[in-house]
Amino acid sequence: MKAITLSSKNQVVIPSSVRKKLGVKSGDKLIVVRLSDKEVVLKKAPSYGDLVGTLPSQKQDAVHRIREQRSNWQ
């Protein structure tokens, strides 16, 4: 476990070994999740590149899907 210090500007430095394991670099977004009054977890926020290809491919063309949706609304 590594200890870090909160600066006078309320900033922290994440140790390089932890940054490498998280796969984060300067400019990446992190999500802070509060577990309890005294515990938080940092997670790497997904980037656009991480999300590409995660949706299932559509086998029907867009026009057919839209018409199908419209018929289900009525």
C-alpha atoms as a PDB file:
ATOM      1  CA  MET A   1       0.000   0.000   0.000  1.00  0.00           C
ATOM      2  CA  LYS A   2       1.341   3.412  -0.954  1.00  0.00           C
ATOM      3  CA  ALA A   3       0.690   6.581   1.038  1.00  0.00           C
ATOM      4  CA  ILE A   4       0.115   9.846  -0.794  1.00  0.00           C
ATOM      5  CA  THR A   5      -0.103  13.409   0.529  1.00  0.00           C
ATOM      6  CA  LEU A   6      -2.831  15.946  -0.131  1.00  0.00           C
ATOM      7  CA  SER A   7      -1.258  19.246  -1.222  1.00  0.00           C
ATOM      8  CA  SER A   8      -2.318  22.721  -0.081  1.00  0.00           C
ATOM      9  CA  LYS A   9      -4.286  22.944  -3.366  1.00  0.00           C
ATOM     10  CA  ASN A  10      -6.130  19.676  -2.538  1.00  0.00           C
ATOM     11  CA  GLN A  11      -4.216  17.753  -5.213  1.00  0.00           C
ATOM     12  CA  VAL A  12      -2.666  14.297  -5.006  1.00  0.00           C
ATOM     13  CA  VAL A  13       0.034  12.596  -7.048  1.00  0.00           C
ATOM     14  CA  ILE A  14      -0.681   9.001  -8.032  1.00  0.00           C
ATOM     15  CA  PRO A  15       2.534   6.970  -7.809  1.00  0.00           C
ATOM     16  CA  SER A  16       3.954   5.885 -11.162  1.00  0.00           C
ATOM     17  CA  SER A  17       3.646   2.176 -10.310  1.00  0.00           C
ATOM     18  CA  VAL A  18      -0.089   2.629  -9.694  1.00  0.00           C
ATOM     19  CA  ARG A  19      -0.529   4.723 -12.868  1.00  0.00           C
ATOM     20  CA  LYS A  20       1.160   1.985 -14.895  1.00  0.00           C
ATOM     21  CA  LYS A  21      -1.088  -0.721 -13.441  1.00  0.00           C
ATOM     22  CA  LEU A  22      -4.196   1.393 -14.114  1.00  0.00           C
ATOM     23  CA  GLY A  23      -2.961   2.205 -17.603  1.00  0.00           C
ATOM     24  CA  VAL A  24      -3.491   5.943 -17.131  1.00  0.00           C
ATOM     25  CA  LYS A  25      -1.469   8.841 -18.441  1.00  0.00           C
ATOM     26  CA  SER A  26      -1.558  12.612 -18.237  1.00  0.00           C
ATOM     27  CA  GLY A  27      -4.924  13.957 -19.381  1.00  0.00           C
ATOM     28  CA  ASP A  28      -6.894  10.738 -18.757  1.00  0.00           C
ATOM     29  CA  LYS A  29     -10.109  11.041 -16.768  1.00  0.00           C
ATOM     30  CA  LEU A  30     -10.562   9.141 -13.517  1.00  0.00           C
ATOM     31  CA  ILE A  31     -13.807   8.356 -11.733  1.00  0.00           C
ATOM     32  CA  VAL A  32     -13.861   8.645  -7.940  1.00  0.00           C
ATOM     33  CA  VAL A  33     -16.221   6.202  -6.212  1.00  0.00           C
ATOM     34  CA  ARG A  34     -16.917   6.725  -2.513  1.00  0.00           C
ATOM     35  CA  LEU A  35     -17.145   3.355  -0.731  1.00  0.00           C
ATOM     36  CA  SER A  36     -17.575   4.684   2.805  1.00  0.00           C
ATOM     37  CA  ASP A  37     -16.820   7.786   4.886  1.00  0.00           C
ATOM     38  CA  LYS A  38     -13.108   7.016   4.742  1.00  0.00           C
ATOM     39  CA  GLU A  39     -12.636   4.981   1.553  1.00  0.00           C
ATOM     40  CA  VAL A  40     -12.626   5.924  -2.122  1.00  0.00           C
ATOM     41  CA  VAL A  41     -11.711   4.027  -5.278  1.00  0.00           C
ATOM     42  CA  LEU A  42     -10.209   5.522  -8.435  1.00  0.00           C
ATOM     43  CA  LYS A  43     -11.262   3.998 -11.755  1.00  0.00           C
ATOM     44  CA  LYS A  44     -10.115   4.887 -15.231  1.00  0.00           C
ATOM     45  CA  ALA A  45     -13.031   6.465 -17.093  1.00  0.00           C
ATOM     46  CA  PRO A  46     -13.711   4.759 -20.410  1.00  0.00           C
ATOM     47  CA  SER A  47     -12.587   6.738 -23.429  1.00  0.00           C
ATOM     48  CA  TYR A  48     -14.273   6.766 -26.814  1.00  0.00           C
ATOM     49  CA  GLY A  49     -11.663   4.312 -28.091  1.00  0.00           C
ATOM     50  CA  ASP A  50     -12.468   1.897 -25.259  1.00  0.00           C
ATOM     51  CA  LEU A  51     -16.151   1.907 -26.220  1.00  0.00           C
ATOM     52  CA  VAL A  52     -15.767   1.351 -29.974  1.00  0.00           C
ATOM     53  CA  GLY A  53     -16.983  -2.096 -30.949  1.00  0.00           C
ATOM     54  CA  THR A  54     -18.753  -2.842 -27.656  1.00  0.00           C
ATOM     55  CA  LEU A  55     -22.267  -2.627 -29.093  1.00  0.00           C
ATOM     56  CA  PRO A  56     -23.658  -5.618 -30.946  1.00  0.00           C
ATOM     57  CA  SER A  57     -23.728  -5.204 -34.698  1.00  0.00           C
ATOM     58  CA  GLN A  58     -27.070  -4.527 -36.331  1.00  0.00           C
ATOM     59  CA  LYS A  59     -28.090  -7.095 -38.909  1.00  0.00           C
ATOM     60  CA  GLN A  60     -30.997  -5.076 -40.335  1.00  0.00           C
ATOM     61  CA  ASP A  61     -30.654  -1.810 -42.188  1.00  0.00           C
ATOM     62  CA  ALA A  62     -31.510   1.419 -40.362  1.00  0.00           C
ATOM     63  CA  VAL A  63     -34.698   2.149 -42.349  1.00  0.00           C
ATOM     64  CA  HIS A  64     -36.160  -1.249 -41.488  1.00  0.00           C
ATOM     65  CA  ARG A  65     -35.312  -0.812 -37.776  1.00  0.00           C
ATOM     66  CA  ILE A  66     -36.920   2.654 -37.670  1.00  0.00           C
ATOM     67  CA  ARG A  67     -40.099   1.407 -39.352  1.00  0.00           C
ATOM     68  CA  GLU A  68     -40.229  -1.493 -36.912  1.00  0.00           C
ATOM     69  CA  GLN A  69     -39.849   0.884 -33.946  1.00  0.00           C
ATOM     70  CA  ARG A  70     -42.612   3.141 -35.262  1.00  0.00           C
ATOM     71  CA  SER A  71     -45.005   0.213 -35.660  1.00  0.00           C
ATOM     72  CA  ASN A  72     -44.324  -0.855 -32.068  1.00  0.00           C
ATOM     73  CA  TRP A  73     -45.215   2.643 -30.770  1.00  0.00           C
ATOM     74  CA  GLN A  74     -48.732   2.553 -32.191  1.00  0.00           C
END
